[in-house]
Amino acid sequence: MTADDGLLLFSWRGCLFRVGERVQPPKAGSLFFCRYLPVRAGERVLEIGSGLGLASVLAARAGAHVVATDIVPEAVEAIRGNATLNGVSVDARLGDCYAPVRGERFDLICSNPPQMPTPSGRERSDAVAAADNGGVDGWRILDRVIDGAPEHLAPGGRLVFSIFAFLGRKRAFARLEAHALTPTVLATEVQAFPRIGYERLEHIRSLDVEGALAPGVPATVERLIVQGTRA
C-alpha cells in the first residue's frame, strides 16, 4: 500500500478494522455471519478463512480463545493488526484450511468461506474474485471445512458456517449427518442478490435443485447460518 492508496477503515460493534491490501472489506454475508455466531466465553474457537479478522476479533472480545487462519499472508497480517488495534489476542496462522491446526481440537469451528459457484474457465486470480470463488458448484471449500471438522471438534463441539440457499439446505444437512454432526439452522436472512451472480445466473440455476431462487431475474437471495453439533 502506497501513500496515494489512502487508508480504508471499517467500524462495527465498537471495533475498528483496517482493510489492508488483498483483504476485502466486510459485506452483508460477513455481518450476517457475525451477528449469529454463537460464541461462549472461555471456548476455544477456530475461524477458517478469517480475512481481516472481523469474526475472530469479535469472538475474542466475547471471551473466547481464538485461532484464525487464512491462506493469504496479507490477511494474516491484517488479523494480527486488527486484534492489536482492538485490544484482544488472536492467534493468527498462515495456511490452508485445517493445515495450521493439525492435531488440535476446538469447541467451535466457524467459517464464512467463498461459495459463489464459478463455472470452469471463469476463474480469476485477483483478490476480489478469489474472495467469492467457491469452485464449480460453490462447495469446494465448504466440503473441506465439513470433512475436516470431526477430527478437530471437541466432544459437544459445533461447526458453524454460512451458505447461499441455492447451494441446498438439504445437501448441507446430509453432509453434516454423514460426519455424525447433528444439523440445525441458526438463522436465515434475505439479502440482495450478489452482482457477480448475474453474470453466471444460468449456471447457478443449474445447481439450484431445491428451488431456492425466485423465477426470472432474482433481486434477492436467502442465506443461512448452519450448525453441526458433535455428540
Protein backbone atom coordinates (compact mmCIF):
# COMPACT_ATOMS: atom_id res chain seq x y z
CA MET A 1 0.00 0.00 0.00
CA THR A 2 1.41 3.39 -1.01
CA ALA A 3 0.72 6.81 0.43
CA ASP A 4 -1.60 7.51 -2.51
CA ASP A 5 -3.78 4.48 -1.75
CA GLY A 6 -5.19 6.02 1.41
CA LEU A 7 -6.37 4.04 4.43
CA LEU A 8 -9.66 2.13 4.44
CA LEU A 9 -11.19 1.59 7.88
CA PHE A 10 -14.32 -0.36 8.86
CA SER A 11 -16.14 0.32 12.13
CA TRP A 12 -18.71 -2.07 13.60
CA ARG A 13 -19.95 -3.03 17.06
CA GLY A 14 -17.49 -0.77 18.80
CA CYS A 15 -14.50 -2.20 16.93
CA LEU A 16 -12.29 -0.64 14.28
CA PHE A 17 -10.74 -2.68 11.47
CA ARG A 18 -8.07 -1.74 8.98
CA VAL A 19 -8.76 -3.14 5.49
CA GLY A 20 -5.34 -3.91 4.05
CA GLU A 21 -4.04 -4.87 0.64
CA ARG A 22 -5.58 -8.07 -0.85
CA VAL A 23 -8.13 -8.17 2.01
CA GLN A 24 -11.78 -7.50 1.27
CA PRO A 25 -13.95 -5.21 3.43
CA PRO A 26 -16.86 -6.98 5.15
CA LYS A 27 -20.02 -7.45 3.06
CA ALA A 28 -23.59 -8.34 4.03
CA GLY A 29 -22.77 -12.05 4.36
CA SER A 30 -19.92 -11.38 6.80
CA LEU A 31 -22.08 -9.19 9.03
CA PHE A 32 -24.91 -11.75 8.99
CA PHE A 33 -22.41 -14.47 9.91
CA CYS A 34 -21.05 -12.47 12.85
CA ARG A 35 -24.49 -11.49 14.17
CA TYR A 36 -25.49 -15.11 14.69
CA LEU A 37 -22.16 -16.74 15.56
CA PRO A 38 -22.77 -18.49 18.92
CA VAL A 39 -19.56 -17.75 20.82
CA ARG A 40 -19.27 -18.50 24.53
CA ALA A 41 -16.68 -17.09 26.90
CA GLY A 42 -13.85 -19.50 27.61
CA GLU A 43 -14.36 -21.58 24.48
CA ARG A 44 -11.56 -22.47 22.10
CA VAL A 45 -12.61 -21.15 18.69
CA LEU A 46 -11.17 -21.70 15.21
CA GLU A 47 -12.11 -19.47 12.30
CA ILE A 48 -11.09 -20.75 8.87
CA GLY A 49 -10.57 -18.08 6.23
CA SER A 50 -10.71 -15.16 8.64
CA GLY A 51 -9.95 -12.38 6.14
CA LEU A 52 -9.37 -9.17 8.06
CA GLY A 53 -10.38 -10.89 11.32
CA LEU A 54 -13.87 -9.49 11.89
CA ALA A 55 -15.43 -12.61 13.44
CA SER A 56 -12.25 -13.59 15.23
CA VAL A 57 -11.81 -10.22 16.90
CA LEU A 58 -15.46 -10.16 17.99
CA ALA A 59 -15.16 -13.71 19.35
CA ALA A 60 -12.05 -12.74 21.31
CA ARG A 61 -13.91 -9.72 22.72
CA ALA A 62 -16.62 -12.14 23.88
CA GLY A 63 -14.01 -14.01 25.93
CA ALA A 64 -13.11 -16.87 23.57
CA HIS A 65 -9.59 -18.16 22.90
CA VAL A 66 -9.34 -17.71 19.15
CA VAL A 67 -7.18 -19.22 16.41
CA ALA A 68 -7.71 -17.59 12.99
CA THR A 69 -6.32 -18.97 9.74
CA ASP A 70 -6.07 -17.71 6.18
CA ILE A 71 -4.12 -18.66 3.05
CA VAL A 72 -3.36 -15.02 2.19
CA PRO A 73 -0.29 -13.61 4.01
CA GLU A 74 -1.73 -10.09 3.92
CA ALA A 75 -4.87 -11.38 5.66
CA VAL A 76 -2.86 -12.95 8.48
CA GLU A 77 -1.04 -9.66 8.90
CA ALA A 78 -4.40 -7.84 8.95
CA ILE A 79 -5.84 -10.21 11.58
CA ARG A 80 -2.88 -9.60 13.88
CA GLY A 81 -3.02 -5.84 13.36
CA ASN A 82 -6.77 -5.66 13.91
CA ALA A 83 -6.58 -7.77 17.06
CA THR A 84 -3.95 -5.38 18.46
CA LEU A 85 -5.99 -2.37 17.33
CA ASN A 86 -8.97 -3.66 19.34
CA GLY A 87 -7.03 -4.78 22.40
CA VAL A 88 -7.61 -8.52 22.09
CA SER A 89 -5.46 -11.59 21.49
CA VAL A 90 -5.97 -13.70 18.35
CA ASP A 91 -3.58 -16.46 17.30
CA ALA A 92 -3.39 -15.80 13.53
CA ARG A 93 -1.80 -18.51 11.40
CA LEU A 94 -0.98 -18.78 7.71
CA GLY A 95 -2.16 -21.93 5.93
CA ASP A 96 -4.84 -23.80 4.03
CA CYS A 97 -7.99 -24.93 5.83
CA TYR A 98 -7.04 -27.18 8.79
CA ALA A 99 -3.32 -27.46 7.97
CA PRO A 100 -2.25 -24.82 10.54
CA VAL A 101 -4.10 -26.60 13.40
CA ARG A 102 -3.18 -30.23 12.75
CA GLY A 103 -3.80 -32.31 15.90
CA GLU A 104 -5.76 -29.58 17.71
CA ARG A 105 -9.41 -29.58 18.81
CA PHE A 106 -11.90 -26.75 19.31
CA ASP A 107 -15.27 -26.09 20.93
CA LEU A 108 -16.37 -24.04 17.91
CA ILE A 109 -15.14 -24.13 14.33
CA CYS A 110 -16.58 -21.45 12.09
CA SER A 111 -16.20 -20.29 8.51
CA ASN A 112 -17.84 -17.89 6.09
CA PRO A 113 -15.93 -19.16 3.04
CA PRO A 114 -16.02 -18.24 -0.65
CA GLN A 115 -19.07 -20.05 -2.05
CA MET A 116 -20.12 -18.35 -5.28
CA PRO A 117 -20.34 -21.04 -8.00
CA THR A 118 -17.68 -20.30 -10.60
CA PRO A 119 -18.03 -22.00 -14.00
CA SER A 120 -14.97 -23.75 -15.38
CA GLY A 121 -12.75 -21.31 -17.24
CA ARG A 122 -14.17 -18.26 -15.42
CA GLU A 123 -11.65 -18.24 -12.57
CA ARG A 124 -9.64 -15.07 -11.97
CA SER A 125 -6.64 -14.62 -9.72
CA ASP A 126 -7.41 -11.13 -8.38
CA ALA A 127 -8.30 -10.74 -4.70
CA VAL A 128 -11.94 -9.78 -5.31
CA ALA A 129 -12.63 -12.85 -7.45
CA ALA A 130 -10.76 -15.19 -5.09
CA ALA A 131 -12.87 -13.98 -2.17
CA ASP A 132 -16.00 -15.24 -3.98
CA ASN A 133 -14.75 -18.37 -5.78
CA GLY A 134 -16.39 -21.47 -4.32
CA GLY A 135 -15.47 -23.74 -7.22
CA VAL A 136 -17.77 -25.03 -9.93
CA ASP A 137 -20.63 -25.93 -7.57
CA GLY A 138 -19.87 -23.48 -4.73
CA TRP A 139 -18.95 -26.31 -2.35
CA ARG A 140 -15.21 -26.62 -2.96
CA ILE A 141 -14.16 -25.03 0.33
CA LEU A 142 -17.32 -25.83 2.30
CA ASP A 143 -16.86 -29.54 1.65
CA ARG A 144 -13.30 -29.42 3.00
CA VAL A 145 -14.40 -27.49 6.09
CA ILE A 146 -17.11 -30.08 6.83
CA ASP A 147 -14.89 -33.08 6.04
CA GLY A 148 -12.20 -31.99 8.49
CA ALA A 149 -14.47 -30.87 11.31
CA PRO A 150 -14.94 -34.18 13.20
CA GLU A 151 -11.18 -34.58 13.61
CA HIS A 152 -10.90 -31.09 15.10
CA LEU A 153 -14.07 -30.76 17.21
CA ALA A 154 -14.06 -31.44 20.93
CA PRO A 155 -16.95 -33.58 22.28
CA GLY A 156 -20.08 -31.45 22.06
CA GLY A 157 -18.29 -29.02 19.75
CA ARG A 158 -20.05 -27.16 16.94
CA LEU A 159 -19.25 -26.38 13.34
CA VAL A 160 -20.93 -23.20 12.08
CA PHE A 161 -20.88 -21.91 8.51
CA SER A 162 -22.89 -19.78 6.12
CA ILE A 163 -24.36 -20.87 2.78
CA PHE A 164 -26.45 -19.41 -0.01
CA ALA A 165 -29.83 -21.16 -0.02
CA PHE A 166 -29.36 -22.11 -3.67
CA LEU A 167 -26.46 -24.34 -2.61
CA GLY A 168 -29.01 -26.51 -0.82
CA ARG A 169 -30.17 -26.74 2.78
CA LYS A 170 -30.82 -30.48 2.33
CA ARG A 171 -27.36 -31.02 0.91
CA ALA A 172 -25.80 -29.17 3.86
CA PHE A 173 -27.76 -31.27 6.35
CA ALA A 174 -26.85 -34.51 4.56
CA ARG A 175 -23.15 -33.59 4.52
CA LEU A 176 -23.19 -32.91 8.26
CA GLU A 177 -25.14 -36.07 9.09
CA ALA A 178 -22.67 -38.12 7.05
CA HIS A 179 -20.00 -36.95 9.50
CA ALA A 180 -22.11 -37.67 12.61
CA LEU A 181 -22.86 -33.98 13.17
CA THR A 182 -26.42 -33.02 14.11
CA PRO A 183 -27.57 -30.19 11.79
CA THR A 184 -29.66 -27.15 12.62
CA VAL A 185 -30.28 -23.76 11.02
CA LEU A 186 -29.35 -20.97 13.41
CA ALA A 187 -30.62 -18.09 11.28
CA THR A 188 -31.81 -17.05 7.82
CA GLU A 189 -31.66 -13.68 6.12
CA VAL A 190 -32.80 -12.32 2.76
CA GLN A 191 -30.06 -10.26 1.11
CA ALA A 192 -29.55 -8.52 -2.22
CA PHE A 193 -28.58 -10.95 -4.96
CA PRO A 194 -24.79 -10.71 -5.49
CA ARG A 195 -23.84 -8.66 -8.54
CA ILE A 196 -21.31 -11.26 -9.66
CA GLY A 197 -24.14 -13.82 -9.65
CA TYR A 198 -25.99 -12.14 -12.52
CA GLU A 199 -23.22 -12.89 -14.99
CA ARG A 200 -23.44 -16.61 -14.13
CA LEU A 201 -27.15 -16.88 -13.33
CA GLU A 202 -27.79 -19.74 -15.77
CA HIS A 203 -25.01 -21.77 -14.14
CA ILE A 204 -26.33 -21.05 -10.64
CA ARG A 205 -29.86 -22.09 -11.65
CA SER A 206 -28.49 -25.43 -12.89
CA LEU A 207 -27.26 -26.08 -9.33
CA ASP A 208 -30.43 -24.92 -7.55
CA VAL A 209 -32.04 -28.36 -7.29
CA GLU A 210 -34.06 -27.31 -4.21
CA GLY A 211 -35.68 -24.34 -5.99
CA ALA A 212 -34.44 -21.62 -3.65
CA LEU A 213 -34.21 -18.89 -6.30
CA ALA A 214 -37.20 -16.88 -7.49
CA PRO A 215 -38.05 -17.18 -11.20
CA GLY A 216 -36.81 -14.61 -13.68
CA VAL A 217 -34.02 -12.28 -12.60
CA PRO A 218 -33.83 -12.55 -8.81
CA ALA A 219 -33.43 -9.37 -6.77
CA THR A 220 -32.69 -11.22 -3.52
CA VAL A 221 -31.19 -14.42 -2.19
CA GLU A 222 -31.65 -16.22 1.11
CA ARG A 223 -28.60 -17.01 3.20
CA LEU A 224 -28.43 -19.49 6.06
CA ILE A 225 -26.26 -19.96 9.12
CA VAL A 226 -25.95 -23.72 9.58
CA GLN A 227 -24.63 -25.54 12.64
CA GLY A 228 -23.49 -29.12 13.02
CA THR A 229 -23.04 -30.41 16.57
CA ARG A 230 -20.82 -33.30 17.56
CA ALA A 231 -22.41 -35.73 20.01
